[in-house]
Amino acid sequence: MNAKNSDTQKNEIVKSDEEWKKELSAEQYAVLRKKGTERPFTGKYDKFNEVGVYKCAACGNELFVSDKKFDAGCGWPSFWDVKSSDKVVLKKDYSLGMVRTEVLCAKCGGHLGHLFDDGPAPTNLRYCINSISLGFEMRKEAE
């Protein structure tokens, strides 16, 4: 169940920069709205192993489930698939002199991280996500 590719994303939630600045911490704003990256091995969810659902920190969109999380050793939470294909949008990212695939929240357009093709089976994908872009809701089962 891979995410959808889009270079013309239309967000369900649209807010001004000023509105986002009021709702997000400075660190969340820098990553979610300005496409920053938190330092590796510093995020809350890198070595986090509770059962539940990871949500967008900006809008609450349910993005990933804990049973699809794995330790990639890269310093950021990594998932081999999304909760469902309509939860994130993939976009080509040409920043920093590289060609990568950016992962965005499909609901608010928040920058989550990047997608790489070095993950485990069955998808061989690694959604490398900034902890600060996420919230977490504990559940008895990951769904």
C-alpha atoms as a PDB file:
ATOM      1  CA  MET A   1       0.000   0.000   0.000  1.00  0.00           C
ATOM      2  CA  ASN A   2       2.328   2.724  -1.196  1.00  0.00           C
ATOM      3  CA  ALA A   3       1.686   6.448  -0.958  1.00  0.00           C
ATOM      4  CA  LYS A   4       0.571   8.515  -3.910  1.00  0.00           C
ATOM      5  CA  ASN A   5       2.892  10.655  -6.001  1.00  0.00           C
ATOM      6  CA  SER A   6       1.901  14.249  -6.594  1.00  0.00           C
ATOM      7  CA  ASP A   7       3.509  17.469  -7.661  1.00  0.00           C
ATOM      8  CA  THR A   8       0.176  19.337  -7.473  1.00  0.00           C
ATOM      9  CA  GLN A   9      -1.053  18.582  -3.975  1.00  0.00           C
ATOM     10  CA  LYS A  10      -4.214  20.305  -2.750  1.00  0.00           C
ATOM     11  CA  ASN A  11      -4.337  20.361   1.035  1.00  0.00           C
ATOM     12  CA  GLU A  12      -7.539  19.877   3.007  1.00  0.00           C
ATOM     13  CA  ILE A  13      -6.190  22.163   5.737  1.00  0.00           C
ATOM     14  CA  VAL A  14      -4.828  25.510   4.559  1.00  0.00           C
ATOM     15  CA  LYS A  15      -3.473  28.060   7.044  1.00  0.00           C
ATOM     16  CA  SER A  16      -1.261  31.119   6.852  1.00  0.00           C
ATOM     17  CA  ASP A  17       2.318  31.045   8.134  1.00  0.00           C
ATOM     18  CA  GLU A  18       1.195  33.178  11.074  1.00  0.00           C
ATOM     19  CA  GLU A  19      -1.508  30.648  12.000  1.00  0.00           C
ATOM     20  CA  TRP A  20       0.980  27.758  11.818  1.00  0.00           C
ATOM     21  CA  LYS A  21       3.497  29.709  13.933  1.00  0.00           C
ATOM     22  CA  LYS A  22       0.868  30.128  16.658  1.00  0.00           C
ATOM     23  CA  GLU A  23      -0.077  26.434  16.664  1.00  0.00           C
ATOM     24  CA  LEU A  24       3.338  24.780  16.329  1.00  0.00           C
ATOM     25  CA  SER A  25       6.502  25.032  18.407  1.00  0.00           C
ATOM     26  CA  ALA A  26       9.414  26.806  16.705  1.00  0.00           C
ATOM     27  CA  GLU A  27      11.062  23.429  16.064  1.00  0.00           C
ATOM     28  CA  GLN A  28       7.886  21.900  14.623  1.00  0.00           C
ATOM     29  CA  TYR A  29       7.361  24.933  12.398  1.00  0.00           C
ATOM     30  CA  ALA A  30      10.943  24.725  11.074  1.00  0.00           C
ATOM     31  CA  VAL A  31      10.486  21.084  10.059  1.00  0.00           C
ATOM     32  CA  LEU A  32       6.798  20.815   9.133  1.00  0.00           C
ATOM     33  CA  ARG A  33       6.406  24.141   7.316  1.00  0.00           C
ATOM     34  CA  LYS A  34       9.965  25.055   6.252  1.00  0.00           C
ATOM     35  CA  LYS A  35      11.155  21.537   5.354  1.00  0.00           C
ATOM     36  CA  GLY A  36      13.864  21.373   7.993  1.00  0.00           C
ATOM     37  CA  THR A  37      15.364  18.195   9.437  1.00  0.00           C
ATOM     38  CA  GLU A  38      15.922  17.377  13.084  1.00  0.00           C
ATOM     39  CA  ARG A  39      19.333  16.066  14.077  1.00  0.00           C
ATOM     40  CA  PRO A  40      19.640  12.268  13.952  1.00  0.00           C
ATOM     41  CA  PHE A  41      19.253  10.266  17.180  1.00  0.00           C
ATOM     42  CA  THR A  42      17.624  13.198  19.010  1.00  0.00           C
ATOM     43  CA  GLY A  43      13.940  12.642  18.251  1.00  0.00           C
ATOM     44  CA  LYS A  44      11.389  11.251  20.674  1.00  0.00           C
ATOM     45  CA  TYR A  45      10.232   8.423  18.394  1.00  0.00           C
ATOM     46  CA  ASP A  46      13.557   7.067  17.090  1.00  0.00           C
ATOM     47  CA  LYS A  47      13.867   4.352  19.769  1.00  0.00           C
ATOM     48  CA  PHE A  48      10.166   4.345  20.688  1.00  0.00           C
ATOM     49  CA  ASN A  49       8.402   0.971  20.628  1.00  0.00           C
ATOM     50  CA  GLU A  50       4.875   1.474  21.959  1.00  0.00           C
ATOM     51  CA  VAL A  51       1.858   0.050  20.110  1.00  0.00           C
ATOM     52  CA  GLY A  52      -0.331   2.605  18.402  1.00  0.00           C
ATOM     53  CA  VAL A  53      -0.685   5.137  15.625  1.00  0.00           C
ATOM     54  CA  TYR A  54       1.685   7.924  14.573  1.00  0.00           C
ATOM     55  CA  LYS A  55      -0.107  11.114  13.551  1.00  0.00           C
ATOM     56  CA  CYS A  56       0.873  14.363  11.876  1.00  0.00           C
ATOM     57  CA  ALA A  57       1.859  16.787  14.658  1.00  0.00           C
ATOM     58  CA  ALA A  58       0.261  19.660  12.747  1.00  0.00           C
ATOM     59  CA  CYS A  59      -3.169  18.247  11.908  1.00  0.00           C
ATOM     60  CA  GLY A  60      -3.645  14.831  13.548  1.00  0.00           C
ATOM     61  CA  ASN A  61      -3.814  12.874  10.277  1.00  0.00           C
ATOM     62  CA  GLU A  62      -3.088   9.185  11.038  1.00  0.00           C
ATOM     63  CA  LEU A  63       0.049   8.419   9.023  1.00  0.00           C
ATOM     64  CA  PHE A  64       1.818   5.291  10.253  1.00  0.00           C
ATOM     65  CA  VAL A  65       1.163   2.331  12.554  1.00  0.00           C
ATOM     66  CA  SER A  66       3.643   0.852  14.993  1.00  0.00           C
ATOM     67  CA  ASP A  67       3.672  -2.624  13.436  1.00  0.00           C
ATOM     68  CA  LYS A  68       5.209  -1.102  10.274  1.00  0.00           C
ATOM     69  CA  LYS A  69       7.991   0.682  12.184  1.00  0.00           C
ATOM     70  CA  PHE A  70      11.521  -0.706  12.215  1.00  0.00           C
ATOM     71  CA  ASP A  71      14.947   0.340  13.481  1.00  0.00           C
ATOM     72  CA  ALA A  72      16.915   1.420  10.423  1.00  0.00           C
ATOM     73  CA  GLY A  73      19.795   2.669  12.573  1.00  0.00           C
ATOM     74  CA  CYS A  74      19.673   6.043  10.804  1.00  0.00           C
ATOM     75  CA  GLY A  75      18.583   8.135  13.807  1.00  0.00           C
ATOM     76  CA  TRP A  76      15.024   8.861  12.676  1.00  0.00           C
ATOM     77  CA  PRO A  77      11.828   6.826  13.037  1.00  0.00           C
ATOM     78  CA  SER A  78      11.512   4.568   9.999  1.00  0.00           C
ATOM     79  CA  PHE A  79       8.488   2.768   8.593  1.00  0.00           C
ATOM     80  CA  TRP A  80       8.228   0.256   5.756  1.00  0.00           C
ATOM     81  CA  ASP A  81       4.736   1.440   4.756  1.00  0.00           C
ATOM     82  CA  VAL A  82       2.052   4.025   5.482  1.00  0.00           C
ATOM     83  CA  LYS A  83      -1.212   3.414   7.344  1.00  0.00           C
ATOM     84  CA  SER A  84      -3.104   3.810   4.065  1.00  0.00           C
ATOM     85  CA  SER A  85      -2.137   5.169   0.669  1.00  0.00           C
ATOM     86  CA  ASP A  86      -4.169   8.368   1.007  1.00  0.00           C
ATOM     87  CA  LYS A  87      -2.380   9.545   4.179  1.00  0.00           C
ATOM     88  CA  VAL A  88       0.819  10.917   2.627  1.00  0.00           C
ATOM     89  CA  VAL A  89       1.882  12.458  -0.663  1.00  0.00           C
ATOM     90  CA  LEU A  90       5.251  11.887  -2.319  1.00  0.00           C
ATOM     91  CA  LYS A  91       6.996  14.692  -4.166  1.00  0.00           C
ATOM     92  CA  LYS A  92      10.349  14.920  -5.949  1.00  0.00           C
ATOM     93  CA  ASP A  93      12.818  16.965  -3.894  1.00  0.00           C
ATOM     94  CA  TYR A  94      15.814  18.524  -5.657  1.00  0.00           C
ATOM     95  CA  SER A  95      17.154  20.455  -2.652  1.00  0.00           C
ATOM     96  CA  LEU A  96      20.729  20.293  -1.363  1.00  0.00           C
ATOM     97  CA  GLY A  97      22.046  19.113  -4.736  1.00  0.00           C
ATOM     98  CA  MET A  98      20.318  15.732  -4.434  1.00  0.00           C
ATOM     99  CA  VAL A  99      17.301  14.037  -5.954  1.00  0.00           C
ATOM    100  CA  ARG A 100      15.111  12.570  -3.229  1.00  0.00           C
ATOM    101  CA  THR A 101      11.466  11.808  -2.594  1.00  0.00           C
ATOM    102  CA  GLU A 102       9.865  14.067  -0.011  1.00  0.00           C
ATOM    103  CA  VAL A 103       7.060  12.710   2.199  1.00  0.00           C
ATOM    104  CA  LEU A 104       4.266  15.202   2.958  1.00  0.00           C
ATOM    105  CA  CYS A 105       1.092  14.936   5.031  1.00  0.00           C
ATOM    106  CA  ALA A 106      -1.802  14.591   2.565  1.00  0.00           C
ATOM    107  CA  LYS A 107      -4.107  16.608   4.824  1.00  0.00           C
ATOM    108  CA  CYS A 108      -2.053  19.719   5.685  1.00  0.00           C
ATOM    109  CA  GLY A 109       1.016  19.493   3.436  1.00  0.00           C
ATOM    110  CA  GLY A 110       3.420  19.320   6.374  1.00  0.00           C
ATOM    111  CA  HIS A 111       6.946  18.069   5.622  1.00  0.00           C
ATOM    112  CA  LEU A 112       7.420  14.706   7.321  1.00  0.00           C
ATOM    113  CA  GLY A 113      10.706  13.411   5.919  1.00  0.00           C
ATOM    114  CA  HIS A 114      11.909  11.423   2.908  1.00  0.00           C
ATOM    115  CA  LEU A 115      11.336   8.049   1.271  1.00  0.00           C
ATOM    116  CA  PHE A 116      14.210   5.724   0.379  1.00  0.00           C
ATOM    117  CA  ASP A 117      14.316   2.333  -1.344  1.00  0.00           C
ATOM    118  CA  ASP A 118      16.545   0.598   1.211  1.00  0.00           C
ATOM    119  CA  GLY A 119      13.884  -0.709   3.604  1.00  0.00           C
ATOM    120  CA  PRO A 120      12.882  -4.257   4.549  1.00  0.00           C
ATOM    121  CA  ALA A 121      10.526  -6.623   2.734  1.00  0.00           C
ATOM    122  CA  PRO A 122       7.750  -6.660   1.745  1.00  0.00           C
ATOM    123  CA  THR A 123       7.975  -3.097   0.352  1.00  0.00           C
ATOM    124  CA  ASN A 124      11.757  -2.505   0.422  1.00  0.00           C
ATOM    125  CA  LEU A 125      10.867   1.076   1.370  1.00  0.00           C
ATOM    126  CA  ARG A 126      12.039   3.260   4.247  1.00  0.00           C
ATOM    127  CA  TYR A 127       9.893   6.224   5.187  1.00  0.00           C
ATOM    128  CA  CYS A 128      12.481   8.213   7.151  1.00  0.00           C
ATOM    129  CA  ILE A 129      10.403  10.602   9.256  1.00  0.00           C
ATOM    130  CA  ASN A 130      11.286  13.448  11.625  1.00  0.00           C
ATOM    131  CA  SER A 131      10.043  12.694  15.157  1.00  0.00           C
ATOM    132  CA  ILE A 132       9.056  16.324  15.601  1.00  0.00           C
ATOM    133  CA  SER A 133       6.619  15.970  12.687  1.00  0.00           C
ATOM    134  CA  LEU A 134       4.777  13.237  14.573  1.00  0.00           C
ATOM    135  CA  GLY A 135       2.411  12.746  17.459  1.00  0.00           C
ATOM    136  CA  PHE A 136       1.509   9.330  18.867  1.00  0.00           C
ATOM    137  CA  GLU A 137      -1.676   7.738  20.144  1.00  0.00           C
ATOM    138  CA  MET A 138      -1.367   4.508  22.106  1.00  0.00           C
ATOM    139  CA  ARG A 139      -3.729   1.731  21.078  1.00  0.00           C
ATOM    140  CA  LYS A 140      -4.150  -1.884  22.132  1.00  0.00           C
ATOM    141  CA  GLU A 141      -3.458  -2.947  18.550  1.00  0.00           C
ATOM    142  CA  ALA A 142      -1.683  -1.054  15.807  1.00  0.00           C
ATOM    143  CA  GLU A 143      -4.622  -1.677  13.405  1.00  0.00           C
END
